[in-house]
Structure formats: C-alpha cells, structure tokens
Amino acid sequence: MIHQPVLLKEVLEYLQPKIGNNTVDCTLGFGGHTTAFLQRGANVLGIEIDKDIYNCLADYPGLIKINSSYIYLEKIVKENNFQNIQGILFDLGVSMWHFTFSGKGFTFRKDEPLDMRVGDTILTAKDLVNTWREQEIANILKEYSQERFSQSIAKAIARERQIKPITTTFDLIRIIEKAVPFKGKIHKSTKTFQALRMAVNSELENIKTGVSQAFNVLMPRGRLALISFHSLEDKIVKEFFKEKQISGQGKVLTKKPIKPNWQEVKNNKASRSAKLRVIEKTR
C-alpha cells in the first residue's frame, strides 16, 4: 500500500484502533490510514469504489477489502458478518492518483477524455456537458463550486456543442477560456472541473447516504471520523453531527474541525484544505 494519509496522527488519536477492534475504512484508496489501523492490530473492512485502485491492493492479514461504494455500507457489513464496529473513517474527495494516473479527465492539465467517473456510474462528464440543459449546467457550476461565471460558461458550452460534441478536457478548457473574461488566482477551469466531477459522481448525495449508514452500524461508544476537503462536504458532516448530538444519539468530539498543521501542509500540499470531524455514538 502506498499513500500519504492526511491527518493520520489525529485520526489514530480519535479512533484508537487496537488489537481485536473492528474498524471500517469507507474510502480505502491505497491504504494509508488502513495500514496504520492494521499495524495496531485492528481488523479492517476496507471499501474502495475505483476498480483500478482496488486491483492494485495486495491482501493483508486482518483486512477484508471490498470493491464497492460506501453508500452500500449496511449491506456490505451484513454480508461480511463484520460486527461490533468501534471505528469508521471517511477520507472524502478524490485522490491525487485520479488526477495523475487515471486518464479520465479529472485534471485540466492533460488532454484526456471527459469521463470523471470514480466508480461504475453511467453518467460521464462528456454526457453531462453535451446533453444537460444549459440552465442545469449553470446550476451545478454555481451550487457545487460557486463559479461566478456559471451562466457564461454554461451558455458557451451550449453554443459550442451545437457545432461539435465536447469530448476532451482541452475541448472544454478552450470553451471556458473564452467564457471567463479575466484570469484570477486559480486556473479558469478549476471550479468547472470540480463541479462536473461532483455532479458525475453524486458526491454530496453519497456522503449523506454513507454517513447515515455508518452511524447506524457503529456500536455504542464507537466513533465516526470524516475528513472533508470541500466546504459543502464539511457542511453536510457538521449538520449531521449536530442533529445526532441534539437527539442524544451522539456526542461531537471536535467542537471545531481539526486541520493539518503547517508541517503537514508543507510535506503534503494536498492536505491544506482538509478538515476532520469526529462523533461518538452514545446509543
């Protein structure tokens, strides 16, 4: 397993994996967090949605690895008879591997097919930009990434696809370049690519489903930890935790989200926007 896990020290402090404990890693990836859980003697049920990443993972004693989505967590736990779960981790977002090696158009720095699927969903980014109504595209750009030029970009996409289909990342970038009038601190395409990826993979809807199921399968005094990288992700987690605390079902252990220190950000720039929230199930 190779991966530079974010907020590893803090995750271990809160989840406290130890010999004989049952822990679920809902976003296994290349196993950075799971490796640490296993080293401390915990049994781990690891879920990885991407087939290519899953196929790269070796077998490890104490690890049950599943190629699926965490939206099926309750079913997966039941089918694998994985009970008495003391800790669950979600490391949300897309890994750097997807941007660097997947070839699915997650990055605007390479000319690749407009796919952006993490799992086996039917909808691709190519489908979205070529078939969705102009206003639907504008809405997701505004909602998922706060793109201030959402209307202009959506209008340009609708106009250009009438001439020829938009099939690659560079096709889309050329359209965005014309639609956005001036350069800002970030690349003109950053927010559009982020919004399309989130829409294609139903990321926000899946988080709501996955977090709810995770809380259900936790045993009393078990802990649920989530690392988010986007304000909308963090909002979902924050509101869910607040609801569980108000109802008396959980106790929030992180009054404010925990962020990586300067040293971690220096060593791993991908961690700079990470936020960790943890809740303990009370009943």
Protein backbone atom coordinates (compact mmCIF):
# COMPACT_ATOMS: atom_id res chain seq x y z
CA MET A 1 0.00 0.00 0.00
CA ILE A 2 1.34 3.46 -0.91
CA HIS A 3 -0.29 6.68 0.14
CA GLN A 4 0.41 9.75 2.22
CA PRO A 5 -2.58 9.75 4.58
CA VAL A 6 -3.96 13.08 5.73
CA LEU A 7 -4.27 13.87 9.45
CA LEU A 8 -3.09 10.35 10.32
CA LYS A 9 -1.92 11.19 13.85
CA GLU A 10 -5.23 12.84 14.68
CA VAL A 11 -7.32 10.02 13.15
CA LEU A 12 -5.44 7.46 15.25
CA GLU A 13 -5.90 9.52 18.42
CA TYR A 14 -9.66 9.68 17.96
CA LEU A 15 -10.43 6.23 16.54
CA GLN A 16 -7.94 4.45 18.83
CA PRO A 17 -7.57 1.24 16.78
CA LYS A 18 -6.12 -1.64 18.76
CA ILE A 19 -5.81 -5.41 18.83
CA GLY A 20 -9.13 -7.08 18.13
CA ASN A 21 -11.03 -3.88 17.29
CA ASN A 22 -13.19 -3.80 14.19
CA THR A 23 -12.70 -0.70 12.05
CA VAL A 24 -14.19 0.29 8.70
CA ASP A 25 -12.28 2.39 6.17
CA CYS A 26 -15.01 3.58 3.81
CA THR A 27 -12.52 5.14 1.38
CA LEU A 28 -9.67 2.64 1.31
CA GLY A 29 -7.69 4.16 -1.57
CA PHE A 30 -4.09 2.98 -1.41
CA GLY A 31 -4.46 2.14 2.26
CA GLY A 32 -2.58 4.88 4.07
CA HIS A 33 -4.91 5.03 7.05
CA THR A 34 -5.77 1.33 6.93
CA THR A 35 -2.11 0.34 7.10
CA ALA A 36 -1.83 2.21 10.40
CA PHE A 37 -5.01 0.55 11.70
CA LEU A 38 -3.65 -2.90 10.83
CA GLN A 39 -0.27 -2.14 12.41
CA ARG A 40 -2.09 -1.51 15.67
CA GLY A 41 -3.81 -4.87 15.48
CA ALA A 42 -7.28 -3.81 14.35
CA ASN A 43 -9.37 -5.81 11.91
CA VAL A 44 -10.33 -3.63 8.95
CA LEU A 45 -13.15 -3.74 6.43
CA GLY A 46 -11.91 -1.54 3.60
CA ILE A 47 -14.20 -0.28 0.84
CA GLU A 48 -12.76 1.07 -2.43
CA ILE A 49 -15.04 2.21 -5.24
CA ASP A 50 -12.44 2.51 -8.03
CA LYS A 51 -11.69 -0.82 -9.73
CA ASP A 52 -8.25 0.22 -10.91
CA ILE A 53 -7.14 1.21 -7.40
CA TYR A 54 -8.79 -1.85 -5.89
CA ASN A 55 -6.92 -4.15 -8.28
CA CYS A 56 -3.62 -2.63 -7.13
CA LEU A 57 -4.22 -3.54 -3.49
CA ALA A 58 -2.47 -6.55 -2.02
CA ASP A 59 -4.02 -8.86 0.56
CA TYR A 60 -3.11 -8.19 4.18
CA PRO A 61 -3.84 -10.21 7.33
CA GLY A 62 -6.78 -8.66 9.12
CA LEU A 63 -8.07 -6.80 6.04
CA ILE A 64 -11.28 -7.53 4.21
CA LYS A 65 -11.26 -5.43 1.06
CA ILE A 66 -14.38 -4.77 -0.97
CA ASN A 67 -14.75 -3.14 -4.41
CA SER A 68 -17.93 -1.17 -3.90
CA SER A 69 -19.31 2.17 -2.71
CA TYR A 70 -19.84 3.21 0.88
CA ILE A 71 -23.47 4.01 0.02
CA TYR A 72 -23.99 0.24 0.41
CA LEU A 73 -22.23 0.12 3.79
CA GLU A 74 -25.01 -1.54 5.75
CA LYS A 75 -25.32 -4.29 3.14
CA ILE A 76 -21.55 -4.79 2.96
CA VAL A 77 -21.21 -5.06 6.73
CA LYS A 78 -24.03 -7.59 6.90
CA GLU A 79 -22.75 -9.73 4.01
CA ASN A 80 -19.28 -9.91 5.56
CA ASN A 81 -20.58 -10.51 9.10
CA PHE A 82 -18.44 -7.59 10.28
CA GLN A 83 -19.92 -6.75 13.67
CA ASN A 84 -19.08 -4.77 16.82
CA ILE A 85 -17.64 -1.88 14.84
CA GLN A 86 -15.70 0.54 17.06
CA GLY A 87 -14.42 2.96 14.43
CA ILE A 88 -15.31 4.21 10.95
CA LEU A 89 -13.33 6.55 8.73
CA PHE A 90 -14.28 8.53 5.62
CA ASP A 91 -11.49 10.34 3.75
CA LEU A 92 -13.65 12.20 1.25
CA GLY A 93 -12.79 13.65 -2.13
CA VAL A 94 -10.69 12.33 -4.99
CA SER A 95 -7.14 11.09 -4.57
CA MET A 96 -4.15 12.54 -6.39
CA TRP A 97 -3.92 9.24 -8.29
CA HIS A 98 -7.10 10.12 -10.15
CA PHE A 99 -5.64 13.41 -11.31
CA THR A 100 -2.24 11.97 -12.18
CA PHE A 101 -2.79 8.46 -13.49
CA SER A 102 -6.46 7.62 -14.14
CA GLY A 103 -6.67 9.16 -17.63
CA LYS A 104 -10.32 10.03 -17.01
CA GLY A 105 -10.18 13.78 -17.40
CA PHE A 106 -10.12 14.86 -13.77
CA THR A 107 -7.41 17.42 -14.49
CA PHE A 108 -7.33 20.35 -16.88
CA ARG A 109 -3.56 19.96 -17.21
CA LYS A 110 -3.81 16.98 -19.58
CA ASP A 111 -5.77 16.33 -22.77
CA GLU A 112 -7.91 13.35 -21.77
CA PRO A 113 -11.42 12.00 -22.46
CA LEU A 114 -14.13 13.76 -20.44
CA ASP A 115 -15.09 10.91 -18.15
CA MET A 116 -14.54 11.85 -14.46
CA ARG A 117 -16.20 8.71 -13.10
CA VAL A 118 -14.69 7.31 -9.93
CA GLY A 119 -16.85 4.18 -9.93
CA ASP A 120 -19.12 2.49 -12.45
CA THR A 121 -21.82 5.12 -12.75
CA ILE A 122 -23.40 5.52 -16.18
CA LEU A 123 -23.18 9.31 -16.45
CA THR A 124 -19.87 10.77 -17.66
CA ALA A 125 -18.73 14.38 -17.79
CA LYS A 126 -18.96 14.12 -21.58
CA ASP A 127 -22.62 13.12 -21.29
CA LEU A 128 -23.31 15.96 -18.89
CA VAL A 129 -21.83 18.80 -20.95
CA ASN A 130 -23.34 17.52 -24.19
CA THR A 131 -26.87 16.60 -23.06
CA TRP A 132 -27.85 18.55 -19.96
CA ARG A 133 -29.84 21.74 -20.40
CA GLU A 134 -27.91 24.99 -20.28
CA GLN A 135 -29.53 26.09 -17.02
CA GLU A 136 -28.89 22.71 -15.38
CA ILE A 137 -25.19 23.08 -16.16
CA ALA A 138 -25.18 26.64 -14.83
CA ASN A 139 -26.87 25.48 -11.64
CA ILE A 140 -24.31 22.81 -10.80
CA LEU A 141 -21.41 25.18 -11.53
CA LYS A 142 -22.87 27.69 -9.11
CA GLU A 143 -24.03 25.23 -6.44
CA TYR A 144 -21.01 22.91 -6.32
CA SER A 145 -18.16 25.34 -6.91
CA GLN A 146 -19.54 28.87 -6.51
CA GLU A 147 -18.42 29.67 -10.06
CA ARG A 148 -19.27 33.35 -10.57
CA PHE A 149 -19.30 32.93 -14.36
CA SER A 150 -21.58 29.88 -14.28
CA GLN A 151 -24.13 31.36 -16.68
CA SER A 152 -21.50 32.47 -19.19
CA ILE A 153 -19.74 29.11 -19.14
CA ALA A 154 -23.00 27.16 -19.48
CA LYS A 155 -24.09 29.36 -22.36
CA ALA A 156 -20.75 28.86 -24.12
CA ILE A 157 -20.96 25.09 -23.63
CA ALA A 158 -24.49 25.01 -25.07
CA ARG A 159 -23.39 27.06 -28.08
CA GLU A 160 -20.20 25.12 -28.85
CA ARG A 161 -21.79 21.66 -28.58
CA GLN A 162 -24.14 22.61 -31.39
CA ILE A 163 -21.09 22.92 -33.62
CA LYS A 164 -19.39 19.70 -32.48
CA PRO A 165 -19.52 17.43 -29.42
CA ILE A 166 -17.32 18.31 -26.45
CA THR A 167 -15.30 15.14 -25.87
CA THR A 168 -11.98 16.02 -24.21
CA THR A 169 -10.68 18.14 -21.38
CA PHE A 170 -8.94 20.51 -23.79
CA ASP A 171 -12.19 20.94 -25.74
CA LEU A 172 -13.83 22.11 -22.54
CA ILE A 173 -10.92 24.28 -21.44
CA ARG A 174 -10.97 26.20 -24.73
CA ILE A 175 -14.65 26.97 -24.16
CA ILE A 176 -14.07 28.09 -20.57
CA GLU A 177 -11.13 30.27 -21.60
CA LYS A 178 -13.40 32.23 -23.94
CA ALA A 179 -16.30 32.43 -21.48
CA VAL A 180 -14.34 33.70 -18.45
CA PRO A 181 -13.24 37.29 -19.11
CA PHE A 182 -10.15 37.53 -16.94
CA LYS A 183 -7.60 35.50 -15.00
CA GLY A 184 -7.90 35.09 -11.25
CA LYS A 185 -5.76 33.47 -8.58
CA ILE A 186 -6.77 30.00 -9.74
CA HIS A 187 -7.00 28.50 -13.22
CA LYS A 188 -10.17 29.47 -15.06
CA SER A 189 -11.20 25.81 -15.36
CA THR A 190 -10.69 24.76 -11.74
CA LYS A 191 -14.22 25.35 -10.48
CA THR A 192 -15.93 23.94 -13.56
CA PHE A 193 -13.93 20.71 -13.39
CA GLN A 194 -14.65 20.38 -9.67
CA ALA A 195 -18.39 20.89 -10.14
CA LEU A 196 -18.62 18.42 -13.03
CA ARG A 197 -16.76 15.76 -11.06
CA MET A 198 -19.04 16.22 -8.06
CA ALA A 199 -22.14 16.01 -10.23
CA VAL A 200 -21.00 12.97 -12.20
CA ASN A 201 -20.22 11.03 -9.03
CA SER A 202 -23.18 12.32 -6.95
CA GLU A 203 -20.62 13.13 -4.28
CA LEU A 204 -22.77 15.17 -1.91
CA GLU A 205 -25.76 12.86 -2.10
CA ASN A 206 -23.50 9.85 -1.49
CA ILE A 207 -21.94 11.46 1.58
CA LYS A 208 -25.38 11.91 3.15
CA THR A 209 -26.23 8.27 2.50
CA GLY A 210 -22.86 6.90 3.60
CA VAL A 211 -22.62 8.91 6.82
CA SER A 212 -26.12 7.91 7.87
CA GLN A 213 -25.43 4.21 7.29
CA ALA A 214 -22.07 4.47 9.06
CA PHE A 215 -23.71 5.85 12.18
CA ASN A 216 -26.28 3.05 12.06
CA VAL A 217 -23.68 0.25 12.00
CA LEU A 218 -21.49 1.71 14.76
CA MET A 219 -21.76 0.07 18.16
CA PRO A 220 -22.45 2.31 21.19
CA ARG A 221 -19.32 4.32 22.11
CA GLY A 222 -18.00 3.69 18.63
CA ARG A 223 -16.54 6.66 16.78
CA LEU A 224 -17.12 8.03 13.30
CA ALA A 225 -14.41 10.25 11.75
CA LEU A 226 -14.72 12.18 8.50
CA ILE A 227 -12.08 14.13 6.62
CA SER A 228 -13.53 16.58 4.12
CA PHE A 229 -11.84 18.87 1.59
CA HIS A 230 -14.74 21.00 0.42
CA SER A 231 -17.00 23.41 2.29
CA LEU A 232 -20.17 21.67 1.07
CA GLU A 233 -18.86 18.30 2.29
CA ASP A 234 -17.97 19.77 5.66
CA LYS A 235 -21.39 21.39 5.96
CA ILE A 236 -23.14 18.04 5.46
CA VAL A 237 -20.97 16.41 8.11
CA LYS A 238 -21.35 19.29 10.57
CA GLU A 239 -25.14 19.33 10.27
CA PHE A 240 -25.41 15.54 10.59
CA PHE A 241 -23.27 15.53 13.73
CA LYS A 242 -25.26 18.41 15.22
CA GLU A 243 -28.52 16.57 14.59
CA LYS A 244 -27.24 13.40 16.29
CA GLN A 245 -25.99 15.35 19.30
CA ILE A 246 -29.26 17.26 19.73
CA SER A 247 -31.22 13.99 19.58
CA GLY A 248 -28.95 12.46 22.23
CA GLN A 249 -27.65 9.76 19.90
CA GLY A 250 -24.12 11.10 19.66
CA LYS A 251 -21.50 13.33 21.23
CA VAL A 252 -19.43 15.55 18.96
CA LEU A 253 -15.76 15.25 19.98
CA THR A 254 -14.48 18.05 17.74
CA LYS A 255 -16.11 21.38 18.60
CA LYS A 256 -14.22 22.86 15.65
CA PRO A 257 -12.85 20.87 12.72
CA ILE A 258 -9.25 19.76 13.12
CA LYS A 259 -6.92 20.99 10.38
CA PRO A 260 -3.41 19.84 9.46
CA ASN A 261 -0.56 21.78 11.00
CA TRP A 262 1.89 23.79 8.93
CA GLN A 263 4.41 20.95 8.84
CA GLU A 264 1.92 18.51 7.32
CA VAL A 265 0.80 21.07 4.75
CA LYS A 266 4.44 21.71 3.88
CA ASN A 267 5.08 17.98 3.37
CA ASN A 268 1.75 17.28 1.64
CA LYS A 269 0.14 20.24 -0.13
CA ALA A 270 -2.95 18.14 -0.87
CA SER A 271 -3.77 18.26 2.85
CA ARG A 272 -4.11 22.04 3.09
CA SER A 273 -7.92 22.15 2.88
CA ALA A 274 -8.56 19.03 4.99
CA LYS A 275 -10.95 19.18 7.95
CA LEU A 276 -11.51 16.36 10.42
CA ARG A 277 -14.70 15.99 12.45
CA VAL A 278 -15.41 13.13 14.89
CA ILE A 279 -18.54 11.98 16.71
CA GLU A 280 -19.02 9.24 19.31
CA LYS A 281 -22.23 7.23 19.27
CA THR A 282 -23.92 7.28 22.65
CA ARG A 283 -26.77 4.85 21.99
